[in-house]
């Protein structure tokens, strides 16, 4: 009798396996999407200790800057080019003035004296070249001055009226 052949032994073939993963820390959740922030507000000067009755309730906004002097007192200043887009050069020239620092003083000072006669002596002007500079011991006085400047520069017509009423001796 013929011997039966035993079936050949099957070779063990290993199945491909995924590489072993190293233990990792649990994944962090993605941060929630950020909400759009409101536009940054313009930097405000420190609030005044006490406001005088004649000073406006809120500070006028404009291209001027505020500062506190090391030796005491406060300042308000701007470069005259801040108002070139509204045609300040032409308005001053038509009114017989020049839109430099002293020229702006010749317009702003009389308007401030008219609006706030009791505060007129509290403001000291130090305009040079193309820079308007005013100084006061009380920041609230500069709030009042900023309000006058804002009114003067509210429109070309308002500036023209103020230039017409300027004090040419201050140029």
Protein backbone atom coordinates (compact mmCIF):
# COMPACT_ATOMS: atom_id res chain seq x y z
CA UNK A 1 0.00 0.00 0.00
CA UNK A 2 1.19 3.28 -0.89
CA UNK A 3 1.91 5.55 1.93
CA UNK A 4 -0.21 8.54 2.16
CA UNK A 5 1.61 11.74 2.04
CA UNK A 6 1.06 14.03 4.85
CA UNK A 7 0.01 17.40 3.79
CA UNK A 8 2.91 19.79 3.89
CA UNK A 9 3.10 21.83 7.01
CA UNK A 10 1.89 25.32 6.47
CA UNK A 11 4.42 27.98 6.96
CA UNK A 12 3.40 30.54 9.42
CA UNK A 13 3.09 33.86 7.68
CA UNK A 14 2.84 36.76 10.02
CA UNK A 15 0.19 39.27 9.23
CA UNK A 16 1.39 42.81 8.83
CA UNK A 17 0.65 44.75 11.96
CA UNK A 18 0.61 48.43 12.62
CA UNK A 19 3.69 49.72 14.37
CA UNK A 20 3.29 49.93 18.06
CA UNK A 21 2.32 53.40 19.20
CA UNK A 22 4.18 55.06 21.96
CA UNK A 23 1.95 56.22 24.78
CA UNK A 24 1.23 59.93 24.43
CA UNK A 25 -0.46 62.49 26.56
CA UNK A 26 -4.12 63.10 25.79
CA UNK A 27 -4.63 65.71 23.07
CA UNK A 28 -5.58 69.19 24.19
CA UNK A 29 -8.75 70.65 22.85
CA UNK A 30 -8.26 73.37 20.29
CA UNK A 31 -8.91 76.81 21.78
CA UNK A 32 -12.25 78.34 20.96
CA UNK A 33 -12.06 80.82 18.08
CA UNK A 34 -11.35 84.31 19.30
CA UNK A 35 -14.01 86.94 18.92
CA UNK A 36 -13.05 89.99 16.95
CA UNK A 37 -11.99 92.69 19.35
CA UNK A 38 -13.53 96.10 19.11
CA UNK A 39 -11.24 98.71 17.54
CA UNK A 40 -8.72 99.98 20.04
CA UNK A 41 -9.80 103.21 21.64
CA UNK A 42 -7.50 106.16 21.43
CA UNK A 43 -5.31 106.58 24.41
CA UNK A 44 -6.85 108.97 26.88
CA UNK A 45 -4.98 111.20 29.25
CA UNK A 46 -5.32 110.56 32.95
CA UNK A 47 -8.57 111.95 34.33
CA UNK A 48 -8.32 115.37 35.91
CA UNK A 49 -8.60 115.57 39.68
CA UNK A 50 -11.39 118.15 39.62
CA UNK A 51 -12.98 119.77 36.64
CA UNK A 52 -13.72 123.45 36.71
CA UNK A 53 -17.30 124.51 36.06
CA UNK A 54 -16.30 126.11 32.75
CA UNK A 55 -14.57 123.00 31.38
CA UNK A 56 -16.52 120.65 29.10
CA UNK A 57 -17.80 117.37 30.54
CA UNK A 58 -15.85 115.11 28.17
CA UNK A 59 -12.55 115.45 26.37
CA UNK A 60 -12.63 116.46 22.74
CA UNK A 61 -10.96 114.09 20.32
CA UNK A 62 -8.57 115.29 17.66
CA UNK A 63 -5.07 114.90 16.27
CA UNK A 64 -3.52 116.64 19.25
CA UNK A 65 -1.58 114.86 21.97
CA UNK A 66 -1.49 115.39 25.70
CA UNK A 67 1.37 115.13 28.12
CA UNK A 68 2.31 115.68 31.73
CA UNK A 69 5.48 117.64 32.40
CA UNK A 70 8.00 116.33 34.93
CA UNK A 71 8.18 119.72 36.63
CA UNK A 72 4.38 119.91 36.93
CA UNK A 73 1.64 120.99 34.62
CA UNK A 74 0.17 119.55 31.47
CA UNK A 75 0.61 120.10 27.76
CA UNK A 76 -1.44 119.87 24.58
CA UNK A 77 0.30 119.93 21.22
CA UNK A 78 -0.10 119.09 17.54
CA UNK A 79 1.84 119.38 14.31
CA UNK A 80 0.14 121.80 11.93
CA UNK A 81 0.24 119.23 9.15
CA UNK A 82 -2.52 117.38 11.01
CA UNK A 83 -4.99 119.78 9.38
CA UNK A 84 -3.53 120.01 5.86
CA UNK A 85 -6.14 117.62 4.44
CA UNK A 86 -8.94 119.99 5.38
CA UNK A 87 -7.19 122.76 3.44
CA UNK A 88 -5.80 124.68 6.39
CA UNK A 89 -2.90 126.15 4.38
CA UNK A 90 -5.24 127.71 1.81
CA UNK A 91 -7.69 128.89 4.48
CA UNK A 92 -4.92 130.64 6.43
CA UNK A 93 -3.48 132.21 3.27
CA UNK A 94 -6.90 133.54 2.20
CA UNK A 95 -7.30 135.00 5.68
CA UNK A 96 -3.91 136.73 5.58
CA UNK A 97 -2.13 134.34 7.93
CA UNK A 98 0.16 131.37 7.77
CA UNK A 99 -0.64 127.88 9.08
CA UNK A 100 2.47 127.48 11.24
CA UNK A 101 2.53 127.05 15.04
CA UNK A 102 2.29 130.79 15.86
CA UNK A 103 -0.36 131.17 13.14
CA UNK A 104 -2.52 128.56 14.86
CA UNK A 105 -1.94 130.34 18.18
CA UNK A 106 -3.23 133.57 16.59
CA UNK A 107 -6.47 131.74 15.78
CA UNK A 108 -6.93 129.48 18.82
CA UNK A 109 -5.95 131.88 21.63
CA UNK A 110 -8.55 134.58 20.82
CA UNK A 111 -11.26 131.94 20.34
CA UNK A 112 -10.36 130.38 23.71
CA UNK A 113 -10.30 133.79 25.43
CA UNK A 114 -13.75 134.53 24.04
CA UNK A 115 -15.19 131.13 25.06
CA UNK A 116 -13.49 130.91 28.47
CA UNK A 117 -12.49 134.42 29.60
CA UNK A 118 -11.85 133.28 33.20
CA UNK A 119 -9.42 130.60 32.02
CA UNK A 120 -7.58 132.71 29.44
CA UNK A 121 -4.66 133.49 31.77
CA UNK A 122 -4.34 129.84 32.77
CA UNK A 123 -3.03 128.80 29.34
CA UNK A 124 0.56 129.47 28.29
CA UNK A 125 1.41 129.15 24.59
CA UNK A 126 4.83 128.05 23.32
CA UNK A 127 4.32 127.58 19.58
CA UNK A 128 7.34 127.28 17.33
CA UNK A 129 7.83 126.34 13.70
CA UNK A 130 5.16 123.89 12.67
CA UNK A 131 4.12 122.92 16.19
CA UNK A 132 1.26 124.30 18.28
CA UNK A 133 1.95 123.91 22.01
CA UNK A 134 -0.15 124.99 24.98
CA UNK A 135 0.60 124.41 28.65
CA UNK A 136 -1.51 124.69 31.81
CA UNK A 137 -1.18 123.79 35.45
CA UNK A 138 -4.61 122.14 35.45
CA UNK A 139 -5.38 119.46 32.86
CA UNK A 140 -9.07 120.48 32.90
CA UNK A 141 -8.06 123.82 31.37
CA UNK A 142 -6.56 121.93 28.44
CA UNK A 143 -9.82 119.99 28.14
CA UNK A 144 -11.54 123.32 27.57
CA UNK A 145 -8.87 124.35 25.06
CA UNK A 146 -9.26 121.03 23.19
CA UNK A 147 -12.99 121.70 22.93
CA UNK A 148 -12.29 125.09 21.32
CA UNK A 149 -9.79 123.55 18.89
CA UNK A 150 -12.30 120.83 18.00
CA UNK A 151 -14.94 123.47 17.25
CA UNK A 152 -12.52 125.54 15.14
CA UNK A 153 -11.40 122.51 13.13
CA UNK A 154 -14.84 120.91 12.78
CA UNK A 155 -15.11 122.11 9.18
CA UNK A 156 -13.27 124.30 6.68
CA UNK A 157 -15.99 126.95 7.14
CA UNK A 158 -15.47 126.97 10.93
CA UNK A 159 -11.71 127.32 10.45
CA UNK A 160 -12.19 130.14 7.94
CA UNK A 161 -14.40 132.02 10.42
CA UNK A 162 -11.81 131.56 13.18
CA UNK A 163 -8.96 132.68 10.89
CA UNK A 164 -10.98 135.80 10.03
CA UNK A 165 -11.19 136.58 13.78
CA UNK A 166 -7.51 135.81 14.48
CA UNK A 167 -5.13 138.09 16.39
CA UNK A 168 -2.38 138.99 13.87
CA UNK A 169 -0.16 140.28 16.71
CA UNK A 170 0.34 136.67 17.83
CA UNK A 171 1.70 135.48 14.44
